[in-house]
Amino acid sequence: MIKTVNDNVLIIPDKKPEKVGGIYVPETSKKQPETGVVHADYEDLKKGTAVVFKKYGATTVKIGKDEYLIVPREDILAIIEE
């Protein structure tokens, strides 16, 4: 279990497809804002909340086969509501 400190939020990143319909997706088309799901409650962000965050502000952490991102709270741009 990871518990963040200061103003950091633990996020499970959404996976980007490597290829679509047999065509490989180039890296340049993947340079969109990142999305993911909050892994643990944090003030106004509850576990399971979908968010958009800055790609280059995150730190990747792997625990076993699972990959998480630690994102500074100020780098979360929006909450996705459905």
C-alpha atoms as a PDB file:
ATOM      1  CA  MET A   1       0.000   0.000   0.000  1.00  0.00           C
ATOM      2  CA  ILE A   2       1.222   3.459  -0.865  1.00  0.00           C
ATOM      3  CA  LYS A   3       0.203   6.485   1.160  1.00  0.00           C
ATOM      4  CA  THR A   4       1.097   9.831  -0.384  1.00  0.00           C
ATOM      5  CA  VAL A   5       2.357  12.771   1.627  1.00  0.00           C
ATOM      6  CA  ASN A   6       2.119  16.538   1.207  1.00  0.00           C
ATOM      7  CA  ASP A   7      -0.137  17.512  -1.705  1.00  0.00           C
ATOM      8  CA  ASN A   8       0.336  14.371  -3.821  1.00  0.00           C
ATOM      9  CA  VAL A   9      -2.434  12.151  -5.180  1.00  0.00           C
ATOM     10  CA  LEU A  10      -2.074   8.467  -6.124  1.00  0.00           C
ATOM     11  CA  ILE A  11      -3.594   7.726  -9.532  1.00  0.00           C
ATOM     12  CA  ILE A  12      -4.079   4.557 -11.575  1.00  0.00           C
ATOM     13  CA  PRO A  13      -3.357   5.673 -15.153  1.00  0.00           C
ATOM     14  CA  ASP A  14      -5.629   4.808 -18.076  1.00  0.00           C
ATOM     15  CA  LYS A  15      -3.815   2.698 -20.650  1.00  0.00           C
ATOM     16  CA  LYS A  16      -3.250   4.132 -24.111  1.00  0.00           C
ATOM     17  CA  PRO A  17      -3.560   1.672 -26.997  1.00  0.00           C
ATOM     18  CA  GLU A  18      -0.318   0.763 -28.785  1.00  0.00           C
ATOM     19  CA  LYS A  19      -2.216   0.001 -31.967  1.00  0.00           C
ATOM     20  CA  VAL A  20      -5.715   0.574 -33.254  1.00  0.00           C
ATOM     21  CA  GLY A  21      -7.173  -1.773 -35.856  1.00  0.00           C
ATOM     22  CA  GLY A  22      -3.753  -3.223 -36.680  1.00  0.00           C
ATOM     23  CA  ILE A  23      -2.156   0.216 -37.123  1.00  0.00           C
ATOM     24  CA  TYR A  24       0.464   1.313 -34.606  1.00  0.00           C
ATOM     25  CA  VAL A  25      -0.342   4.592 -32.872  1.00  0.00           C
ATOM     26  CA  PRO A  26       2.639   6.984 -33.129  1.00  0.00           C
ATOM     27  CA  GLU A  27       3.991   8.594 -29.952  1.00  0.00           C
ATOM     28  CA  THR A  28       3.060  12.078 -31.207  1.00  0.00           C
ATOM     29  CA  SER A  29      -0.640  11.214 -31.211  1.00  0.00           C
ATOM     30  CA  LYS A  30      -0.387  10.040 -27.594  1.00  0.00           C
ATOM     31  CA  LYS A  31       0.670  13.509 -26.390  1.00  0.00           C
ATOM     32  CA  GLN A  32      -2.735  14.412 -25.054  1.00  0.00           C
ATOM     33  CA  PRO A  33      -3.616  15.189 -21.455  1.00  0.00           C
ATOM     34  CA  GLU A  34      -3.396  12.077 -19.315  1.00  0.00           C
ATOM     35  CA  THR A  35      -6.385  10.537 -17.593  1.00  0.00           C
ATOM     36  CA  GLY A  36      -6.662   8.158 -14.692  1.00  0.00           C
ATOM     37  CA  VAL A  37      -8.570   7.185 -11.585  1.00  0.00           C
ATOM     38  CA  VAL A  38      -7.812   8.313  -8.042  1.00  0.00           C
ATOM     39  CA  HIS A  39      -6.659   5.277  -6.037  1.00  0.00           C
ATOM     40  CA  ALA A  40      -7.260   6.591  -2.511  1.00  0.00           C
ATOM     41  CA  ASP A  41      -9.373   9.338  -0.934  1.00  0.00           C
ATOM     42  CA  TYR A  42      -7.736  12.764  -0.858  1.00  0.00           C
ATOM     43  CA  GLU A  43      -9.675  15.782   0.432  1.00  0.00           C
ATOM     44  CA  ASP A  44     -12.166  16.628  -2.360  1.00  0.00           C
ATOM     45  CA  LEU A  45     -11.044  13.685  -4.547  1.00  0.00           C
ATOM     46  CA  LYS A  46     -12.646  10.385  -3.603  1.00  0.00           C
ATOM     47  CA  LYS A  47     -11.382   6.943  -4.557  1.00  0.00           C
ATOM     48  CA  GLY A  48     -12.601   6.065  -8.062  1.00  0.00           C
ATOM     49  CA  THR A  49     -12.835   9.686  -9.272  1.00  0.00           C
ATOM     50  CA  ALA A  50     -11.711  10.047 -12.901  1.00  0.00           C
ATOM     51  CA  VAL A  51      -9.314  12.967 -13.443  1.00  0.00           C
ATOM     52  CA  VAL A  52      -7.275  14.719 -16.130  1.00  0.00           C
ATOM     53  CA  PHE A  53      -3.722  15.684 -15.183  1.00  0.00           C
ATOM     54  CA  LYS A  54      -0.500  17.055 -16.648  1.00  0.00           C
ATOM     55  CA  LYS A  55       1.542  14.285 -18.225  1.00  0.00           C
ATOM     56  CA  TYR A  56       4.967  15.505 -17.208  1.00  0.00           C
ATOM     57  CA  GLY A  57       4.170  16.319 -13.582  1.00  0.00           C
ATOM     58  CA  ALA A  58       3.672  12.685 -12.567  1.00  0.00           C
ATOM     59  CA  THR A  59       6.118  10.225 -11.017  1.00  0.00           C
ATOM     60  CA  THR A  60       5.661   6.585 -12.062  1.00  0.00           C
ATOM     61  CA  VAL A  61       5.836   3.927  -9.345  1.00  0.00           C
ATOM     62  CA  LYS A  62       5.647   0.180  -9.988  1.00  0.00           C
ATOM     63  CA  ILE A  63       4.679  -2.229  -7.238  1.00  0.00           C
ATOM     64  CA  GLY A  64       4.718  -5.795  -8.473  1.00  0.00           C
ATOM     65  CA  LYS A  65       2.852  -5.773 -11.788  1.00  0.00           C
ATOM     66  CA  ASP A  66       0.807  -2.680 -10.921  1.00  0.00           C
ATOM     67  CA  GLU A  67       1.750   0.804 -12.098  1.00  0.00           C
ATOM     68  CA  TYR A  68       0.697   3.950 -10.275  1.00  0.00           C
ATOM     69  CA  LEU A  69       1.329   7.646 -10.745  1.00  0.00           C
ATOM     70  CA  ILE A  70       2.021  10.090  -7.957  1.00  0.00           C
ATOM     71  CA  VAL A  71       0.742  13.451  -9.144  1.00  0.00           C
ATOM     72  CA  PRO A  72       1.039  16.801  -7.345  1.00  0.00           C
ATOM     73  CA  ARG A  73      -2.450  18.096  -6.520  1.00  0.00           C
ATOM     74  CA  GLU A  74      -1.828  21.289  -8.508  1.00  0.00           C
ATOM     75  CA  ASP A  75      -1.169  19.206 -11.670  1.00  0.00           C
ATOM     76  CA  ILE A  76      -4.697  17.765 -11.674  1.00  0.00           C
ATOM     77  CA  LEU A  77      -6.509  19.813 -14.279  1.00  0.00           C
ATOM     78  CA  ALA A  78     -10.073  18.515 -14.102  1.00  0.00           C
ATOM     79  CA  ILE A  79     -12.481  15.977 -12.663  1.00  0.00           C
ATOM     80  CA  ILE A  80     -14.326  13.885 -15.247  1.00  0.00           C
ATOM     81  CA  GLU A  81     -18.023  13.596 -14.416  1.00  0.00           C
ATOM     82  CA  GLU A  82     -20.254  11.233 -16.335  1.00  0.00           C
END
